[in-house]
């Protein structure tokens, strides 16, 4: 068994065990959200959503796919995130949502993705999304065909994310126009913060702890 196959087998087993959950998410949570996250699982009217943390073989390492959103008028404009989005009425379940959105945004066919499991749900107040993160893999380094929602894809090596110098603190402009210090991953010139950083924090806890 090669290194990538060994990794996904290991990760699949880890995802069947109890998840680190909120404790791991809070490590990368903005200070302003910590109290809220401890007390709120998401309002009843939140929009059901899903994302996909997708692994693939990459430059003698293990890659994970992130997307920098295109500039628009949304609250997540130009932020870095996983492929994903809101559940549509035509989706049978949230796994189908994650796979459909990944195909629409990157061109990777759903039938080529092997789903390993899920992380813990996370409520994102600015967009009112209640997100279920799926974890999966493909067995090749993809040639991406991103749609207009994506400014650029980021293929990130796992060794970049596990750099001992990360996470760091940076100052970002919040949705209210004010500037705040936040814990984040500074990767390839992009700041990964907020919900995506919190999901990454839990994912790395699953892998490393």
N, C-alpha and C. Protein backbone atom coordinates (compact mmCIF):
# COMPACT_ATOMS: atom_id res chain seq x y z
N UNK A 1 0.85 -1.20 0.00
CA UNK A 1 0.00 0.00 0.00
C UNK A 1 0.89 1.25 0.00
N UNK A 2 0.62 2.21 -0.90
CA UNK A 2 1.44 3.41 -0.95
C UNK A 2 1.05 4.38 0.16
N UNK A 3 1.83 5.47 0.29
CA UNK A 3 1.64 6.39 1.42
C UNK A 3 0.27 7.05 1.40
N UNK A 4 -0.21 7.41 0.20
CA UNK A 4 -1.52 8.07 0.14
C UNK A 4 -2.63 7.10 0.54
N UNK A 5 -2.58 5.89 0.04
CA UNK A 5 -3.59 4.88 0.40
C UNK A 5 -3.56 4.60 1.90
N UNK A 6 -2.37 4.54 2.47
CA UNK A 6 -2.25 4.34 3.92
C UNK A 6 -2.89 5.49 4.67
N UNK A 7 -2.66 6.72 4.18
CA UNK A 7 -3.22 7.90 4.84
C UNK A 7 -4.74 7.88 4.82
N UNK A 8 -5.35 7.63 3.66
CA UNK A 8 -6.81 7.70 3.60
C UNK A 8 -7.45 6.56 4.39
N UNK A 9 -6.78 5.41 4.44
CA UNK A 9 -7.29 4.32 5.26
C UNK A 9 -7.26 4.71 6.74
N UNK A 10 -6.16 5.30 7.17
CA UNK A 10 -6.02 5.79 8.54
C UNK A 10 -7.07 6.85 8.85
N UNK A 11 -7.24 7.81 7.93
CA UNK A 11 -8.19 8.90 8.17
C UNK A 11 -9.62 8.38 8.24
N UNK A 12 -9.95 7.44 7.38
CA UNK A 12 -11.29 6.85 7.42
C UNK A 12 -11.58 6.20 8.76
N UNK A 13 -10.59 5.52 9.32
CA UNK A 13 -10.76 4.89 10.64
C UNK A 13 -10.91 5.94 11.73
N UNK A 14 -10.11 7.01 11.66
CA UNK A 14 -10.18 8.06 12.68
C UNK A 14 -11.53 8.77 12.67
N UNK A 15 -12.11 8.93 11.49
CA UNK A 15 -13.40 9.63 11.38
C UNK A 15 -14.57 8.81 11.91
N UNK A 16 -14.35 7.53 12.14
CA UNK A 16 -15.40 6.70 12.75
C UNK A 16 -15.36 6.77 14.27
N UNK A 17 -14.33 7.38 14.81
CA UNK A 17 -14.20 7.54 16.26
C UNK A 17 -14.83 8.86 16.70
N UNK A 18 -15.04 9.06 18.00
CA UNK A 18 -15.59 10.35 18.46
C UNK A 18 -14.73 11.52 17.98
N UNK A 19 -15.39 12.57 17.51
CA UNK A 19 -14.69 13.71 16.93
C UNK A 19 -14.22 14.69 18.01
N UNK A 20 -13.16 15.44 17.73
CA UNK A 20 -12.71 16.47 18.68
C UNK A 20 -13.75 17.56 18.90
N UNK A 21 -14.52 17.87 17.85
CA UNK A 21 -15.65 18.79 17.97
C UNK A 21 -15.28 20.22 18.33
N UNK A 22 -16.10 20.81 19.20
CA UNK A 22 -16.00 22.23 19.52
C UNK A 22 -14.64 22.61 20.08
N UNK A 23 -14.06 21.76 20.91
CA UNK A 23 -12.76 22.09 21.50
C UNK A 23 -11.72 22.40 20.42
N UNK A 24 -11.70 21.58 19.37
CA UNK A 24 -10.75 21.79 18.28
C UNK A 24 -11.15 22.99 17.42
N UNK A 25 -12.44 23.17 17.18
CA UNK A 25 -12.90 24.31 16.40
C UNK A 25 -12.52 25.63 17.06
N UNK A 26 -12.67 25.69 18.39
CA UNK A 26 -12.45 26.95 19.11
C UNK A 26 -10.99 27.41 19.07
N UNK A 27 -10.06 26.51 18.78
CA UNK A 27 -8.65 26.92 18.70
C UNK A 27 -8.43 27.96 17.60
N UNK A 28 -9.26 27.93 16.56
CA UNK A 28 -9.12 28.88 15.46
C UNK A 28 -10.31 29.82 15.36
N UNK A 29 -11.10 29.91 16.41
CA UNK A 29 -12.26 30.79 16.40
C UNK A 29 -11.85 32.22 16.74
N UNK A 30 -12.41 33.21 16.03
CA UNK A 30 -12.21 34.60 16.45
C UNK A 30 -12.72 34.78 17.88
N UNK A 31 -12.02 35.56 18.68
CA UNK A 31 -12.39 35.76 20.09
C UNK A 31 -13.85 36.20 20.21
N UNK A 32 -14.30 37.02 19.27
CA UNK A 32 -15.67 37.55 19.33
C UNK A 32 -16.73 36.48 19.16
N UNK A 33 -16.34 35.29 18.67
CA UNK A 33 -17.32 34.24 18.42
C UNK A 33 -17.32 33.14 19.47
N UNK A 34 -16.32 33.11 20.34
CA UNK A 34 -16.15 31.96 21.23
C UNK A 34 -17.37 31.76 22.13
N UNK A 35 -17.84 32.81 22.78
CA UNK A 35 -18.99 32.68 23.67
C UNK A 35 -20.22 32.20 22.91
N UNK A 36 -20.45 32.78 21.75
CA UNK A 36 -21.59 32.39 20.92
C UNK A 36 -21.51 30.92 20.51
N UNK A 37 -20.33 30.47 20.09
CA UNK A 37 -20.17 29.10 19.63
C UNK A 37 -20.39 28.09 20.75
N UNK A 38 -20.04 28.46 21.96
CA UNK A 38 -20.23 27.55 23.09
C UNK A 38 -21.70 27.38 23.44
N UNK A 39 -22.53 28.33 23.05
CA UNK A 39 -23.93 28.32 23.47
C UNK A 39 -24.94 28.08 22.35
N UNK A 40 -24.48 28.13 21.10
CA UNK A 40 -25.42 28.07 19.98
C UNK A 40 -25.03 26.95 19.03
N UNK A 41 -26.00 26.11 18.68
CA UNK A 41 -25.79 25.07 17.68
C UNK A 41 -26.36 25.48 16.34
N UNK A 42 -26.97 26.65 16.27
CA UNK A 42 -27.57 27.13 15.03
C UNK A 42 -29.06 27.27 15.18
N UNK A 43 -29.63 28.40 14.76
CA UNK A 43 -31.07 28.59 14.88
C UNK A 43 -31.85 27.65 13.97
N UNK A 44 -33.11 27.49 14.29
CA UNK A 44 -33.95 26.57 13.53
C UNK A 44 -34.10 26.99 12.08
N UNK A 45 -33.99 28.29 11.81
CA UNK A 45 -34.17 28.78 10.44
C UNK A 45 -32.87 28.82 9.65
N UNK A 46 -31.78 28.28 10.20
CA UNK A 46 -30.50 28.27 9.49
C UNK A 46 -30.61 27.45 8.21
N UNK A 47 -29.82 27.82 7.21
CA UNK A 47 -29.82 27.13 5.91
C UNK A 47 -28.89 25.92 5.97
N UNK A 48 -29.43 24.76 5.70
CA UNK A 48 -28.62 23.54 5.71
C UNK A 48 -27.62 23.59 4.56
N UNK A 49 -26.37 23.33 4.88
CA UNK A 49 -25.29 23.47 3.90
C UNK A 49 -24.25 22.39 4.14
N UNK A 50 -23.39 22.19 3.14
CA UNK A 50 -22.33 21.19 3.27
C UNK A 50 -21.10 21.64 2.49
N UNK A 51 -19.94 21.24 2.98
CA UNK A 51 -18.68 21.47 2.27
C UNK A 51 -17.93 20.15 2.20
N UNK A 52 -16.87 20.14 1.38
CA UNK A 52 -16.07 18.93 1.23
C UNK A 52 -14.59 19.25 1.41
N UNK A 53 -13.97 18.60 2.39
CA UNK A 53 -12.51 18.63 2.54
C UNK A 53 -11.97 17.47 1.71
N UNK A 54 -11.39 17.80 0.57
CA UNK A 54 -11.01 16.78 -0.41
C UNK A 54 -9.50 16.61 -0.46
N UNK A 55 -9.05 15.39 -0.18
CA UNK A 55 -7.63 15.05 -0.24
C UNK A 55 -7.29 14.40 -1.57
N UNK A 56 -6.01 14.52 -1.97
CA UNK A 56 -5.54 13.91 -3.22
C UNK A 56 -4.01 13.81 -3.16
N UNK A 57 -3.42 12.90 -3.95
CA UNK A 57 -1.96 12.82 -3.99
C UNK A 57 -1.41 14.10 -4.62
N UNK A 58 -0.35 14.67 -4.02
CA UNK A 58 0.13 15.97 -4.49
C UNK A 58 1.62 16.14 -4.22
N UNK A 59 2.42 16.15 -5.27
CA UNK A 59 3.85 16.45 -5.19
C UNK A 59 4.55 15.64 -4.09
N UNK A 60 4.40 14.34 -4.12
CA UNK A 60 5.00 13.46 -3.11
C UNK A 60 4.53 13.80 -1.69
N UNK A 61 3.37 14.40 -1.60
CA UNK A 61 2.77 14.76 -0.32
C UNK A 61 1.29 14.43 -0.43
N UNK A 62 0.53 14.91 0.52
CA UNK A 62 -0.93 14.77 0.51
C UNK A 62 -1.51 16.15 0.36
N UNK A 63 -2.34 16.35 -0.66
CA UNK A 63 -2.93 17.66 -0.91
C UNK A 63 -4.35 17.75 -0.39
N UNK A 64 -4.77 18.97 -0.08
CA UNK A 64 -6.16 19.24 0.26
C UNK A 64 -6.59 20.46 -0.54
N UNK A 65 -7.83 20.46 -1.01
CA UNK A 65 -8.30 21.49 -1.94
C UNK A 65 -9.07 22.59 -1.21
N UNK A 66 -8.65 23.83 -1.45
CA UNK A 66 -9.37 25.00 -0.97
C UNK A 66 -9.62 25.92 -2.16
N UNK A 67 -10.60 26.80 -2.02
CA UNK A 67 -10.96 27.72 -3.10
C UNK A 67 -11.02 29.14 -2.57
N UNK A 68 -10.43 30.08 -3.31
CA UNK A 68 -10.63 31.49 -2.99
C UNK A 68 -11.84 31.97 -3.76
N UNK A 69 -12.85 32.43 -3.03
CA UNK A 69 -14.10 32.87 -3.64
C UNK A 69 -13.89 34.13 -4.48
N UNK A 70 -14.62 34.22 -5.57
CA UNK A 70 -14.56 35.41 -6.42
C UNK A 70 -15.16 36.61 -5.70
N UNK A 71 -14.77 37.79 -6.12
CA UNK A 71 -15.32 39.02 -5.56
C UNK A 71 -16.78 39.17 -5.97
N UNK A 72 -17.66 39.32 -4.99
CA UNK A 72 -19.08 39.56 -5.24
C UNK A 72 -19.62 40.32 -4.03
N UNK A 73 -20.92 40.35 -3.90
CA UNK A 73 -21.52 41.12 -2.80
C UNK A 73 -21.86 40.25 -1.58
N UNK A 74 -21.41 38.99 -1.58
CA UNK A 74 -21.74 38.10 -0.48
C UNK A 74 -20.83 38.36 0.72
N UNK A 75 -21.25 37.83 1.88
CA UNK A 75 -20.44 38.02 3.09
C UNK A 75 -19.12 37.25 3.04
N UNK A 76 -19.02 36.27 2.13
CA UNK A 76 -17.79 35.49 2.03
C UNK A 76 -16.97 35.84 0.79
N UNK A 77 -17.23 37.00 0.21
CA UNK A 77 -16.51 37.45 -0.98
C UNK A 77 -15.00 37.43 -0.76
N UNK A 78 -14.27 36.78 -1.68
CA UNK A 78 -12.81 36.72 -1.70
C UNK A 78 -12.20 36.00 -0.50
N UNK A 79 -13.01 35.27 0.24
CA UNK A 79 -12.48 34.46 1.33
C UNK A 79 -12.10 33.07 0.82
N UNK A 80 -11.25 32.40 1.56
CA UNK A 80 -10.84 31.03 1.22
C UNK A 80 -11.73 30.04 1.95
N UNK A 81 -12.21 29.05 1.22
CA UNK A 81 -13.13 28.08 1.82
C UNK A 81 -12.95 26.72 1.15
N UNK A 82 -13.64 25.74 1.69
CA UNK A 82 -13.76 24.45 1.02
C UNK A 82 -14.83 24.57 -0.07
N UNK A 83 -14.78 23.69 -1.09
CA UNK A 83 -15.92 23.62 -2.01
C UNK A 83 -17.18 23.29 -1.23
N UNK A 84 -18.30 23.87 -1.63
CA UNK A 84 -19.55 23.57 -0.94
C UNK A 84 -20.54 24.70 -1.04
N UNK A 85 -21.70 24.49 -0.43
CA UNK A 85 -22.74 25.51 -0.46
C UNK A 85 -24.04 25.02 0.13
N UNK A 86 -25.09 25.73 -0.19
CA UNK A 86 -26.41 25.50 0.38
C UNK A 86 -27.08 24.27 -0.23
N UNK A 87 -27.80 23.53 0.60
CA UNK A 87 -28.57 22.38 0.13
C UNK A 87 -29.72 22.85 -0.75
N UNK A 88 -29.85 22.22 -1.92
CA UNK A 88 -30.95 22.50 -2.83
C UNK A 88 -32.05 21.46 -2.62
N UNK A 89 -33.27 21.82 -3.02
CA UNK A 89 -34.39 20.88 -2.86
C UNK A 89 -34.16 19.58 -3.63
N UNK A 90 -33.39 19.65 -4.70
CA UNK A 90 -33.14 18.46 -5.52
C UNK A 90 -32.09 17.53 -4.91
N UNK A 91 -31.37 18.00 -3.89
CA UNK A 91 -30.35 17.15 -3.25
C UNK A 91 -31.01 16.14 -2.31
N UNK A 92 -30.64 14.87 -2.46
CA UNK A 92 -31.21 13.83 -1.60
C UNK A 92 -30.78 14.01 -0.15
N UNK A 93 -29.56 14.47 0.05
CA UNK A 93 -29.03 14.68 1.40
C UNK A 93 -27.85 15.63 1.31
N UNK A 94 -27.22 15.91 2.45
CA UNK A 94 -26.12 16.87 2.47
C UNK A 94 -24.86 16.34 1.81
N UNK A 95 -24.68 15.03 1.78
CA UNK A 95 -23.54 14.49 1.03
C UNK A 95 -23.68 14.82 -0.45
N UNK A 96 -24.89 14.68 -0.96
CA UNK A 96 -25.12 15.04 -2.37
C UNK A 96 -24.87 16.53 -2.59
N UNK A 97 -25.24 17.35 -1.61
CA UNK A 97 -24.96 18.79 -1.70
C UNK A 97 -23.46 19.03 -1.84
N UNK A 98 -22.68 18.42 -0.97
CA UNK A 98 -21.23 18.62 -0.99
C UNK A 98 -20.62 18.17 -2.32
N UNK A 99 -21.06 17.02 -2.82
CA UNK A 99 -20.50 16.50 -4.07
C UNK A 99 -20.95 17.32 -5.27
N UNK A 100 -22.21 17.75 -5.27
CA UNK A 100 -22.73 18.57 -6.38
C UNK A 100 -22.00 19.91 -6.44
N UNK A 101 -21.87 20.56 -5.28
CA UNK A 101 -21.20 21.85 -5.25
C UNK A 101 -19.73 21.72 -5.66
N UNK A 102 -19.09 20.64 -5.24
CA UNK A 102 -17.69 20.43 -5.62
C UNK A 102 -17.56 20.29 -7.13
N UNK A 103 -18.47 19.54 -7.74
CA UNK A 103 -18.43 19.40 -9.20
C UNK A 103 -18.68 20.74 -9.88
N UNK A 104 -19.69 21.48 -9.42
CA UNK A 104 -20.01 22.76 -10.04
C UNK A 104 -18.85 23.75 -9.94
N UNK A 105 -18.14 23.72 -8.82
CA UNK A 105 -17.09 24.71 -8.58
C UNK A 105 -15.72 24.30 -9.11
N UNK A 106 -15.49 23.00 -9.26
CA UNK A 106 -14.14 22.54 -9.65
C UNK A 106 -14.11 21.62 -10.86
N UNK A 107 -15.26 21.04 -11.23
CA UNK A 107 -15.29 20.10 -12.33
C UNK A 107 -14.96 18.67 -11.95
N UNK A 108 -14.73 18.39 -10.68
CA UNK A 108 -14.41 17.03 -10.24
C UNK A 108 -15.71 16.23 -10.13
N UNK A 109 -15.88 15.15 -10.91
CA UNK A 109 -17.14 14.40 -10.90
C UNK A 109 -17.39 13.72 -9.55
N UNK A 110 -18.64 13.73 -9.14
CA UNK A 110 -19.02 13.14 -7.86
C UNK A 110 -18.65 11.67 -7.78
N UNK A 111 -18.78 10.95 -8.91
CA UNK A 111 -18.53 9.51 -8.88
C UNK A 111 -17.06 9.17 -8.68
N UNK A 112 -16.17 10.14 -8.79
CA UNK A 112 -14.75 9.89 -8.58
C UNK A 112 -14.30 10.19 -7.15
N UNK A 113 -15.23 10.69 -6.34
CA UNK A 113 -14.90 11.08 -4.96
C UNK A 113 -15.34 9.99 -3.99
N UNK A 114 -14.42 9.58 -3.14
CA UNK A 114 -14.71 8.59 -2.10
C UNK A 114 -14.92 9.34 -0.78
N UNK A 115 -16.10 9.25 -0.21
CA UNK A 115 -16.40 9.95 1.04
C UNK A 115 -16.00 9.07 2.22
N UNK A 116 -15.22 9.65 3.14
CA UNK A 116 -14.71 8.91 4.30
C UNK A 116 -15.55 9.12 5.55
N UNK A 117 -16.20 10.28 5.66
CA UNK A 117 -16.96 10.59 6.86
C UNK A 117 -17.22 12.08 6.96
N UNK A 118 -17.55 12.53 8.15
CA UNK A 118 -17.85 13.94 8.37
C UNK A 118 -17.10 14.46 9.60
N UNK A 119 -17.00 15.78 9.65
CA UNK A 119 -16.55 16.48 10.85
C UNK A 119 -17.77 16.97 11.61
N UNK A 120 -17.57 17.79 12.61
CA UNK A 120 -18.68 18.32 13.41
C UNK A 120 -19.35 19.48 12.68
N UNK A 121 -20.65 19.60 12.87
CA UNK A 121 -21.38 20.73 12.28
C UNK A 121 -20.86 22.05 12.84
N UNK A 122 -21.04 23.10 12.04
CA UNK A 122 -20.61 24.44 12.46
C UNK A 122 -21.60 25.46 11.91
N UNK A 123 -22.13 26.29 12.80
CA UNK A 123 -23.05 27.35 12.37
C UNK A 123 -22.26 28.60 12.03
N UNK A 124 -22.52 29.16 10.84
CA UNK A 124 -21.84 30.37 10.37
C UNK A 124 -22.86 31.51 10.37
N UNK A 125 -22.77 32.36 11.36
CA UNK A 125 -23.78 33.40 11.54
C UNK A 125 -23.88 34.40 10.39
N UNK A 126 -22.77 34.92 9.82
CA UNK A 126 -22.91 35.94 8.77
C UNK A 126 -23.73 35.48 7.56
N UNK A 127 -23.62 34.19 7.20
CA UNK A 127 -24.38 33.67 6.06
C UNK A 127 -25.59 32.86 6.49
N UNK A 128 -25.74 32.64 7.81
CA UNK A 128 -26.83 31.83 8.37
C UNK A 128 -26.80 30.40 7.84
N UNK A 129 -25.60 29.87 7.61
CA UNK A 129 -25.43 28.49 7.15
C UNK A 129 -25.13 27.58 8.34
N UNK A 130 -25.82 26.46 8.40
CA UNK A 130 -25.49 25.39 9.34
C UNK A 130 -24.77 24.32 8.52
N UNK A 131 -23.46 24.25 8.66
CA UNK A 131 -22.62 23.50 7.72
C UNK A 131 -22.21 22.14 8.29
N UNK A 132 -22.36 21.11 7.46
CA UNK A 132 -21.82 19.79 7.78
C UNK A 132 -20.62 19.55 6.86
N UNK A 133 -19.41 19.49 7.40
CA UNK A 133 -18.22 19.26 6.57
C UNK A 133 -18.01 17.76 6.31
N UNK A 134 -17.96 17.39 5.04
CA UNK A 134 -17.62 16.02 4.64
C UNK A 134 -16.12 15.95 4.36
N UNK A 135 -15.59 14.76 4.51
CA UNK A 135 -14.17 14.50 4.21
C UNK A 135 -14.11 13.38 3.19
N UNK A 136 -13.34 13.59 2.13
CA UNK A 136 -13.24 12.57 1.10
C UNK A 136 -11.91 12.66 0.37
N UNK A 137 -11.77 11.83 -0.65
CA UNK A 137 -10.53 11.85 -1.42
C UNK A 137 -10.76 11.40 -2.86
N UNK A 138 -9.85 11.79 -3.72
CA UNK A 138 -9.72 11.23 -5.06
C UNK A 138 -8.31 10.68 -5.16
N UNK A 139 -8.09 9.73 -6.06
CA UNK A 139 -6.79 9.07 -6.10
C UNK A 139 -5.85 9.64 -7.16
N UNK A 140 -6.08 10.92 -7.54
CA UNK A 140 -5.22 11.58 -8.52
C UNK A 140 -5.19 13.07 -8.22
N UNK A 141 -4.17 13.75 -8.74
CA UNK A 141 -4.04 15.20 -8.61
C UNK A 141 -4.91 15.83 -9.70
N UNK A 142 -5.99 16.53 -9.34
CA UNK A 142 -6.96 16.95 -10.34
C UNK A 142 -6.53 18.15 -11.17
N UNK A 143 -6.93 18.14 -12.44
CA UNK A 143 -6.88 19.33 -13.28
C UNK A 143 -8.22 20.02 -13.09
N UNK A 144 -8.21 21.20 -12.49
CA UNK A 144 -9.45 21.84 -12.05
C UNK A 144 -10.04 22.73 -13.13
N UNK A 145 -11.36 22.70 -13.24
CA UNK A 145 -12.10 23.57 -14.15
C UNK A 145 -13.08 24.37 -13.31
N UNK A 146 -12.57 25.43 -12.69
CA UNK A 146 -13.37 26.18 -11.73
C UNK A 146 -14.35 27.11 -12.44
N UNK A 147 -15.51 27.30 -11.79
CA UNK A 147 -16.53 28.17 -12.37
C UNK A 147 -16.32 29.62 -11.92
N UNK A 148 -17.27 30.48 -12.29
CA UNK A 148 -17.12 31.92 -12.05
C UNK A 148 -17.18 32.28 -10.57
N UNK A 149 -17.63 31.35 -9.72
CA UNK A 149 -17.68 31.63 -8.28
C UNK A 149 -16.30 31.59 -7.63
N UNK A 150 -15.31 31.08 -8.37
CA UNK A 150 -13.98 30.85 -7.82
C UNK A 150 -12.97 31.80 -8.45
N UNK A 151 -12.26 32.56 -7.61
CA UNK A 151 -11.17 33.41 -8.12
C UNK A 151 -9.96 32.56 -8.46
N UNK A 152 -9.61 31.65 -7.54
CA UNK A 152 -8.53 30.71 -7.83
C UNK A 152 -8.57 29.55 -6.85
N UNK A 153 -8.17 28.36 -7.31
CA UNK A 153 -8.07 27.22 -6.39
C UNK A 153 -6.73 27.23 -5.68
N UNK A 154 -6.71 26.64 -4.50
CA UNK A 154 -5.46 26.46 -3.76
C UNK A 154 -5.28 24.97 -3.48
N UNK A 155 -4.24 24.41 -4.05
CA UNK A 155 -3.85 23.05 -3.70
C UNK A 155 -2.82 23.17 -2.58
N UNK A 156 -3.20 22.73 -1.40
CA UNK A 156 -2.37 22.93 -0.21
C UNK A 156 -1.83 21.58 0.26
N UNK A 157 -0.52 21.48 0.39
CA UNK A 157 0.09 20.26 0.92
C UNK A 157 -0.17 20.16 2.42
N UNK A 158 -0.43 18.95 2.87
CA UNK A 158 -0.67 18.74 4.30
C UNK A 158 0.53 19.22 5.12
N UNK A 159 1.73 19.11 4.57
CA UNK A 159 2.92 19.57 5.29
C UNK A 159 2.90 21.09 5.48
N UNK A 160 2.23 21.84 4.59
CA UNK A 160 2.09 23.28 4.78
C UNK A 160 1.20 23.57 5.99
N UNK A 161 0.10 22.84 6.10
CA UNK A 161 -0.85 23.08 7.20
C UNK A 161 -0.29 22.66 8.55
N UNK A 162 0.59 21.68 8.54
CA UNK A 162 1.15 21.19 9.81
C UNK A 162 2.47 21.88 10.16
N UNK A 163 2.80 22.93 9.43
CA UNK A 163 3.98 23.74 9.74
C UNK A 163 3.90 24.19 11.21
N UNK A 164 4.95 23.95 12.00
CA UNK A 164 4.88 24.32 13.42
C UNK A 164 4.72 25.82 13.67
N UNK A 165 4.97 26.64 12.64
CA UNK A 165 4.78 28.09 12.79
C UNK A 165 3.31 28.50 12.64
N UNK A 166 2.46 27.56 12.31
CA UNK A 166 1.02 27.83 12.17
C UNK A 166 0.26 27.21 13.33
N UNK A 167 -0.89 27.77 13.70
CA UNK A 167 -1.50 28.98 13.15
C UNK A 167 -0.81 30.25 13.65
N UNK A 168 -1.21 31.37 13.02
CA UNK A 168 -0.68 32.68 13.38
C UNK A 168 -1.86 33.61 13.67
N UNK A 169 -1.55 34.83 14.08
CA UNK A 169 -2.60 35.84 14.27
C UNK A 169 -2.42 36.95 13.24
N UNK A 170 -3.50 37.32 12.59
CA UNK A 170 -3.49 38.40 11.62
C UNK A 170 -4.68 39.32 11.90
N UNK A 171 -4.61 40.53 11.38
CA UNK A 171 -5.72 41.48 11.51
C UNK A 171 -6.52 41.48 10.22
N UNK A 172 -7.81 41.25 10.34
CA UNK A 172 -8.68 41.20 9.15
C UNK A 172 -9.82 42.21 9.31
N UNK A 173 -10.43 42.53 8.20
CA UNK A 173 -11.59 43.42 8.20
C UNK A 173 -12.84 42.58 8.35
N UNK A 174 -13.60 42.82 9.40
CA UNK A 174 -14.80 42.05 9.67
C UNK A 174 -15.97 42.48 8.80
N UNK A 175 -17.09 41.75 8.96
CA UNK A 175 -18.28 42.05 8.17
C UNK A 175 -18.87 43.41 8.53
N UNK A 176 -18.51 43.93 9.70
CA UNK A 176 -19.00 45.24 10.13
C UNK A 176 -18.07 46.38 9.71
N UNK A 177 -17.02 46.04 8.95
CA UNK A 177 -16.08 47.05 8.49
C UNK A 177 -14.95 47.34 9.45
N UNK A 178 -15.04 46.83 10.68
CA UNK A 178 -13.98 47.04 11.67
C UNK A 178 -12.88 45.99 11.48
N UNK A 179 -11.70 46.28 12.03
CA UNK A 179 -10.57 45.36 11.91
C UNK A 179 -10.36 44.61 13.23
N UNK A 180 -10.13 43.30 13.10
CA UNK A 180 -10.02 42.44 14.28
C UNK A 180 -8.80 41.52 14.15
N UNK A 181 -8.11 41.22 15.26
CA UNK A 181 -7.09 40.17 15.24
C UNK A 181 -7.77 38.80 15.29
N UNK A 182 -7.33 37.90 14.42
CA UNK A 182 -7.94 36.56 14.39
C UNK A 182 -6.84 35.51 14.26
N UNK A 183 -7.05 34.32 14.84
CA UNK A 183 -6.15 33.20 14.58
C UNK A 183 -6.43 32.68 13.18
N UNK A 184 -5.40 32.27 12.47
CA UNK A 184 -5.61 31.87 11.07
C UNK A 184 -4.44 31.03 10.57
N UNK A 185 -4.62 30.49 9.37
CA UNK A 185 -3.55 29.84 8.62
C UNK A 185 -3.16 30.79 7.49
N UNK A 186 -1.88 31.16 7.44
CA UNK A 186 -1.36 32.01 6.37
C UNK A 186 -0.68 31.09 5.38
N UNK A 187 -1.37 30.81 4.26
CA UNK A 187 -0.93 29.80 3.30
C UNK A 187 -0.91 30.40 1.90
N UNK A 188 0.20 30.27 1.21
CA UNK A 188 0.32 30.71 -0.19
C UNK A 188 -0.18 32.14 -0.38
N UNK A 189 0.11 32.99 0.59
CA UNK A 189 -0.28 34.39 0.48
C UNK A 189 -1.74 34.66 0.79
N UNK A 190 -2.47 33.67 1.25
CA UNK A 190 -3.89 33.82 1.59
C UNK A 190 -4.09 33.59 3.08
N UNK A 191 -5.03 34.34 3.65
CA UNK A 191 -5.38 34.20 5.05
C UNK A 191 -6.63 33.32 5.16
N UNK A 192 -6.49 32.18 5.80
CA UNK A 192 -7.61 31.25 5.99
C UNK A 192 -8.07 31.41 7.43
N UNK A 193 -9.25 31.98 7.61
CA UNK A 193 -9.72 32.31 8.95
C UNK A 193 -11.21 31.98 9.07
N UNK A 194 -11.75 32.22 10.24
CA UNK A 194 -13.19 32.02 10.44
C UNK A 194 -13.58 30.56 10.37
N UNK A 195 -14.74 30.31 9.76
CA UNK A 195 -15.30 28.96 9.76
C UNK A 195 -14.39 27.94 9.10
N UNK A 196 -13.77 28.31 7.97
CA UNK A 196 -12.89 27.35 7.28
C UNK A 196 -11.70 26.98 8.15
N UNK A 197 -11.10 27.97 8.82
CA UNK A 197 -9.99 27.68 9.72
C UNK A 197 -10.43 26.79 10.88
N UNK A 198 -11.64 27.00 11.38
CA UNK A 198 -12.15 26.18 12.47
C UNK A 198 -12.37 24.74 12.03
N UNK A 199 -12.87 24.55 10.80
CA UNK A 199 -13.03 23.20 10.27
C UNK A 199 -11.67 22.54 10.06
N UNK A 200 -10.72 23.30 9.52
CA UNK A 200 -9.37 22.77 9.35
C UNK A 200 -8.75 22.38 10.68
N UNK A 201 -9.00 23.17 11.71
CA UNK A 201 -8.46 22.88 13.03
C UNK A 201 -8.97 21.53 13.54
N UNK A 202 -10.27 21.28 13.35
CA UNK A 202 -10.80 19.98 13.78
C UNK A 202 -10.23 18.85 12.92
N UNK A 203 -10.14 19.08 11.61
CA UNK A 203 -9.61 18.05 10.72
C UNK A 203 -8.17 17.70 11.09
N UNK A 204 -7.36 18.70 11.36
CA UNK A 204 -5.97 18.43 11.75
C UNK A 204 -5.89 17.74 13.10
N UNK A 205 -6.82 18.05 13.99
CA UNK A 205 -6.86 17.35 15.28
C UNK A 205 -7.18 15.87 15.08
N UNK A 206 -8.09 15.57 14.16
CA UNK A 206 -8.41 14.17 13.85
C UNK A 206 -7.16 13.45 13.34
N UNK A 207 -6.41 14.12 12.47
CA UNK A 207 -5.24 13.50 11.85
C UNK A 207 -4.07 13.35 12.83
N UNK A 208 -3.84 14.38 13.64
CA UNK A 208 -2.60 14.46 14.41
C UNK A 208 -2.71 14.01 15.85
N UNK A 209 -3.93 13.99 16.40
CA UNK A 209 -4.05 13.75 17.85
C UNK A 209 -4.59 12.35 18.15
